[in-house]
Amino acid sequence: MQTRQSSNPFAGIIAILFIVFLIWLVFNFVKGVFAILSFLALPLFVLALVFNYSVVTDYFKWVYNFFKTDVVKGLLATGATVIGYPLVAAYLFFKAFSTRRFGKKKDEKGPGDYIKYEEVEEDFLELPETPGEKVKQTRSQNNYDDLFNG
């Protein structure tokens, strides 16, 4: 078998440089998104409180429960909240906005109206007893079964 050998000695270096460039590009994109969210974090947090304050209080109760059950997890959750406050604010805003929107649709339907139904007697269907004849299974003419039987 013949192997193809590259005549360009820089082929591996070019691939590595391309991968480094892609990593740099993704890093700068994430850094830009984080900078924009940092700028918008406080307004998003306030809007989350306006839309549905229980989402924000539930989040802080969740972090507090970490402290009650496991202090290390509580410290990690608090640290992640402080360091990633733009992401937390965006998450809380999205959750509050979506629960506000879907909560209105739920209220429009009405408070769980009852559906009229008809009571049915339990013995409304009585089937006659069938004779218990056992059907003898015959060996099929299929050669497929012979593959497993020996």
C-alpha atoms as a PDB file:
ATOM      1  CA  MET A   1       0.000   0.000   0.000  1.00  0.00           C
ATOM      2  CA  GLN A   2       1.366   3.352  -0.979  1.00  0.00           C
ATOM      3  CA  THR A   3       1.336   6.237   1.430  1.00  0.00           C
ATOM      4  CA  ARG A   4       1.122   9.756   0.216  1.00  0.00           C
ATOM      5  CA  GLN A   5       3.797  11.976   1.566  1.00  0.00           C
ATOM      6  CA  SER A   6       3.373  15.697   1.609  1.00  0.00           C
ATOM      7  CA  SER A   7       5.990  17.678  -0.186  1.00  0.00           C
ATOM      8  CA  ASN A   8       5.296  20.695   2.025  1.00  0.00           C
ATOM      9  CA  PRO A   9       7.221  20.529   5.313  1.00  0.00           C
ATOM     10  CA  PHE A  10       5.059  23.317   6.795  1.00  0.00           C
ATOM     11  CA  ALA A  11       1.724  21.453   6.450  1.00  0.00           C
ATOM     12  CA  GLY A  12       1.632  20.461  10.131  1.00  0.00           C
ATOM     13  CA  ILE A  13       2.628  23.934  11.269  1.00  0.00           C
ATOM     14  CA  ILE A  14      -0.089  25.536   9.131  1.00  0.00           C
ATOM     15  CA  ALA A  15      -2.720  23.219  10.649  1.00  0.00           C
ATOM     16  CA  ILE A  16      -1.576  24.041  14.174  1.00  0.00           C
ATOM     17  CA  LEU A  17      -1.607  27.772  13.416  1.00  0.00           C
ATOM     18  CA  PHE A  18      -5.126  27.442  11.996  1.00  0.00           C
ATOM     19  CA  ILE A  19      -6.329  25.694  15.165  1.00  0.00           C
ATOM     20  CA  VAL A  20      -4.695  28.372  17.329  1.00  0.00           C
ATOM     21  CA  PHE A  21      -6.397  31.051  15.215  1.00  0.00           C
ATOM     22  CA  LEU A  22      -9.799  29.364  15.668  1.00  0.00           C
ATOM     23  CA  ILE A  23      -9.284  29.154  19.433  1.00  0.00           C
ATOM     24  CA  TRP A  24      -8.307  32.837  19.514  1.00  0.00           C
ATOM     25  CA  LEU A  25     -11.398  33.723  17.453  1.00  0.00           C
ATOM     26  CA  VAL A  26     -13.754  31.805  19.759  1.00  0.00           C
ATOM     27  CA  PHE A  27     -12.085  33.325  22.834  1.00  0.00           C
ATOM     28  CA  ASN A  28     -12.550  36.862  21.520  1.00  0.00           C
ATOM     29  CA  PHE A  29     -16.174  36.138  20.601  1.00  0.00           C
ATOM     30  CA  VAL A  30     -16.935  34.833  24.098  1.00  0.00           C
ATOM     31  CA  LYS A  31     -15.061  37.776  25.623  1.00  0.00           C
ATOM     32  CA  GLY A  32     -17.176  40.199  23.556  1.00  0.00           C
ATOM     33  CA  VAL A  33     -20.435  38.514  24.540  1.00  0.00           C
ATOM     34  CA  PHE A  34     -19.353  38.569  28.182  1.00  0.00           C
ATOM     35  CA  ALA A  35     -18.488  42.288  27.912  1.00  0.00           C
ATOM     36  CA  ILE A  36     -21.906  43.079  26.430  1.00  0.00           C
ATOM     37  CA  LEU A  37     -23.636  41.036  29.127  1.00  0.00           C
ATOM     38  CA  SER A  38     -21.543  42.795  31.790  1.00  0.00           C
ATOM     39  CA  PHE A  39     -22.838  46.107  30.527  1.00  0.00           C
ATOM     40  CA  LEU A  40     -26.441  44.851  30.472  1.00  0.00           C
ATOM     41  CA  ALA A  41     -26.314  42.784  33.693  1.00  0.00           C
ATOM     42  CA  LEU A  42     -27.832  45.335  36.056  1.00  0.00           C
ATOM     43  CA  PRO A  43     -30.760  46.284  33.768  1.00  0.00           C
ATOM     44  CA  LEU A  44     -31.419  42.594  33.063  1.00  0.00           C
ATOM     45  CA  PHE A  45     -31.418  41.853  36.784  1.00  0.00           C
ATOM     46  CA  VAL A  46     -33.869  44.698  37.490  1.00  0.00           C
ATOM     47  CA  LEU A  47     -36.118  43.578  34.628  1.00  0.00           C
ATOM     48  CA  ALA A  48     -36.044  40.033  36.003  1.00  0.00           C
ATOM     49  CA  LEU A  49     -37.264  41.412  39.331  1.00  0.00           C
ATOM     50  CA  VAL A  50     -40.022  43.361  37.578  1.00  0.00           C
ATOM     51  CA  PHE A  51     -41.195  40.485  35.389  1.00  0.00           C
ATOM     52  CA  ASN A  52     -41.207  37.760  38.020  1.00  0.00           C
ATOM     53  CA  TYR A  53     -39.461  38.445  41.318  1.00  0.00           C
ATOM     54  CA  SER A  54     -40.009  34.883  42.534  1.00  0.00           C
ATOM     55  CA  VAL A  55     -37.479  33.625  39.970  1.00  0.00           C
ATOM     56  CA  VAL A  56     -34.756  35.746  41.576  1.00  0.00           C
ATOM     57  CA  THR A  57     -35.747  34.845  45.123  1.00  0.00           C
ATOM     58  CA  ASP A  58     -35.896  31.157  44.193  1.00  0.00           C
ATOM     59  CA  TYR A  59     -32.374  31.365  42.779  1.00  0.00           C
ATOM     60  CA  PHE A  60     -30.996  32.865  45.969  1.00  0.00           C
ATOM     61  CA  LYS A  61     -32.916  30.299  48.047  1.00  0.00           C
ATOM     62  CA  TRP A  62     -31.307  27.606  45.895  1.00  0.00           C
ATOM     63  CA  VAL A  63     -27.828  28.999  46.628  1.00  0.00           C
ATOM     64  CA  TYR A  64     -28.691  29.319  50.344  1.00  0.00           C
ATOM     65  CA  ASN A  65     -29.823  25.680  50.434  1.00  0.00           C
ATOM     66  CA  PHE A  66     -26.386  24.722  49.146  1.00  0.00           C
ATOM     67  CA  PHE A  67     -24.917  26.402  52.223  1.00  0.00           C
ATOM     68  CA  LYS A  68     -27.270  24.495  54.496  1.00  0.00           C
ATOM     69  CA  THR A  69     -26.507  21.100  52.965  1.00  0.00           C
ATOM     70  CA  ASP A  70     -22.861  21.456  51.926  1.00  0.00           C
ATOM     71  CA  VAL A  71     -20.759  24.520  52.688  1.00  0.00           C
ATOM     72  CA  VAL A  72     -18.227  23.816  49.942  1.00  0.00           C
ATOM     73  CA  LYS A  73     -20.940  23.635  47.279  1.00  0.00           C
ATOM     74  CA  GLY A  74     -22.457  26.800  48.708  1.00  0.00           C
ATOM     75  CA  LEU A  75     -19.147  28.622  48.424  1.00  0.00           C
ATOM     76  CA  LEU A  76     -18.666  27.347  44.874  1.00  0.00           C
ATOM     77  CA  ALA A  77     -22.183  28.433  43.884  1.00  0.00           C
ATOM     78  CA  THR A  78     -21.639  31.854  45.437  1.00  0.00           C
ATOM     79  CA  GLY A  79     -18.285  32.238  43.712  1.00  0.00           C
ATOM     80  CA  ALA A  80     -19.765  31.198  40.381  1.00  0.00           C
ATOM     81  CA  THR A  81     -22.597  33.683  40.881  1.00  0.00           C
ATOM     82  CA  VAL A  82     -20.199  36.528  41.666  1.00  0.00           C
ATOM     83  CA  ILE A  83     -17.751  35.742  38.858  1.00  0.00           C
ATOM     84  CA  GLY A  84     -20.424  34.928  36.307  1.00  0.00           C
ATOM     85  CA  TYR A  85     -22.917  37.604  37.332  1.00  0.00           C
ATOM     86  CA  PRO A  86     -23.579  38.670  33.710  1.00  0.00           C
ATOM     87  CA  LEU A  87     -24.527  35.109  32.801  1.00  0.00           C
ATOM     88  CA  VAL A  88     -26.614  34.720  35.965  1.00  0.00           C
ATOM     89  CA  ALA A  89     -28.429  38.000  35.281  1.00  0.00           C
ATOM     90  CA  ALA A  90     -29.143  36.959  31.689  1.00  0.00           C
ATOM     91  CA  TYR A  91     -30.366  33.543  32.865  1.00  0.00           C
ATOM     92  CA  LEU A  92     -32.636  35.053  35.515  1.00  0.00           C
ATOM     93  CA  PHE A  93     -33.999  37.588  33.023  1.00  0.00           C
ATOM     94  CA  PHE A  94     -34.757  34.899  30.450  1.00  0.00           C
ATOM     95  CA  LYS A  95     -36.394  32.655  33.033  1.00  0.00           C
ATOM     96  CA  ALA A  96     -38.479  35.500  34.495  1.00  0.00           C
ATOM     97  CA  PHE A  97     -39.501  36.705  31.047  1.00  0.00           C
ATOM     98  CA  SER A  98     -40.494  33.236  29.865  1.00  0.00           C
ATOM     99  CA  THR A  99     -42.450  32.405  33.027  1.00  0.00           C
ATOM    100  CA  ARG A 100     -44.250  35.739  32.817  1.00  0.00           C
ATOM    101  CA  ARG A 101     -45.181  35.104  29.188  1.00  0.00           C
ATOM    102  CA  PHE A 102     -46.280  31.511  29.738  1.00  0.00           C
ATOM    103  CA  GLY A 103     -48.003  32.379  33.003  1.00  0.00           C
ATOM    104  CA  LYS A 104     -50.322  34.774  31.168  1.00  0.00           C
ATOM    105  CA  LYS A 105     -51.258  32.090  28.656  1.00  0.00           C
ATOM    106  CA  LYS A 106     -52.073  29.726  31.496  1.00  0.00           C
ATOM    107  CA  ASP A 107     -54.360  32.306  33.132  1.00  0.00           C
ATOM    108  CA  GLU A 108     -56.198  33.000  29.871  1.00  0.00           C
ATOM    109  CA  LYS A 109     -57.445  29.417  29.724  1.00  0.00           C
ATOM    110  CA  GLY A 110     -59.264  29.724  33.020  1.00  0.00           C
ATOM    111  CA  PRO A 111     -58.757  28.319  36.456  1.00  0.00           C
ATOM    112  CA  GLY A 112     -59.175  24.624  35.634  1.00  0.00           C
ATOM    113  CA  ASP A 113     -62.797  24.233  34.639  1.00  0.00           C
ATOM    114  CA  TYR A 114     -64.308  20.833  35.269  1.00  0.00           C
ATOM    115  CA  ILE A 115     -65.248  18.670  32.330  1.00  0.00           C
ATOM    116  CA  LYS A 116     -68.675  17.079  32.375  1.00  0.00           C
ATOM    117  CA  TYR A 117     -68.504  13.327  32.418  1.00  0.00           C
ATOM    118  CA  GLU A 118     -70.836  10.388  32.554  1.00  0.00           C
ATOM    119  CA  GLU A 119     -70.518   7.692  35.163  1.00  0.00           C
ATOM    120  CA  VAL A 120     -70.226   4.254  33.664  1.00  0.00           C
ATOM    121  CA  GLU A 121     -71.198   1.102  35.512  1.00  0.00           C
ATOM    122  CA  GLU A 122     -68.342  -1.226  36.239  1.00  0.00           C
ATOM    123  CA  ASP A 123     -70.052  -4.378  34.965  1.00  0.00           C
ATOM    124  CA  PHE A 124     -71.207  -2.955  31.654  1.00  0.00           C
ATOM    125  CA  LEU A 125     -69.157  -5.414  29.606  1.00  0.00           C
ATOM    126  CA  GLU A 126     -69.333  -9.077  30.442  1.00  0.00           C
ATOM    127  CA  LEU A 127     -67.548 -11.404  28.102  1.00  0.00           C
ATOM    128  CA  PRO A 128     -68.546 -15.052  27.896  1.00  0.00           C
ATOM    129  CA  GLU A 129     -66.055 -17.643  29.023  1.00  0.00           C
ATOM    130  CA  THR A 130     -64.132 -19.212  26.165  1.00  0.00           C
ATOM    131  CA  PRO A 131     -63.252 -22.872  26.249  1.00  0.00           C
ATOM    132  CA  GLY A 132     -59.641 -23.349  27.228  1.00  0.00           C
ATOM    133  CA  GLU A 133     -58.397 -25.311  24.256  1.00  0.00           C
ATOM    134  CA  LYS A 134     -54.672 -25.510  23.999  1.00  0.00           C
ATOM    135  CA  VAL A 135     -53.389 -25.041  20.535  1.00  0.00           C
ATOM    136  CA  LYS A 136     -50.559 -27.385  19.719  1.00  0.00           C
ATOM    137  CA  GLN A 137     -47.731 -25.545  18.137  1.00  0.00           C
ATOM    138  CA  THR A 138     -46.347 -27.224  15.117  1.00  0.00           C
ATOM    139  CA  ARG A 139     -42.807 -26.935  14.007  1.00  0.00           C
ATOM    140  CA  SER A 140     -42.577 -24.398  11.285  1.00  0.00           C
ATOM    141  CA  GLN A 141     -41.121 -25.197   7.930  1.00  0.00           C
ATOM    142  CA  ASN A 142     -38.771 -22.288   8.342  1.00  0.00           C
ATOM    143  CA  ASN A 143     -35.086 -23.104   8.044  1.00  0.00           C
ATOM    144  CA  TYR A 144     -34.266 -20.022  10.094  1.00  0.00           C
ATOM    145  CA  ASP A 145     -35.164 -21.802  13.346  1.00  0.00           C
ATOM    146  CA  ASP A 146     -32.830 -24.652  12.461  1.00  0.00           C
ATOM    147  CA  LEU A 147     -29.891 -22.260  12.654  1.00  0.00           C
ATOM    148  CA  PHE A 148     -30.383 -21.877  16.406  1.00  0.00           C
ATOM    149  CA  ASN A 149     -31.394 -25.443  17.265  1.00  0.00           C
ATOM    150  CA  GLY A 150     -28.303 -27.169  16.186  1.00  0.00           C
END
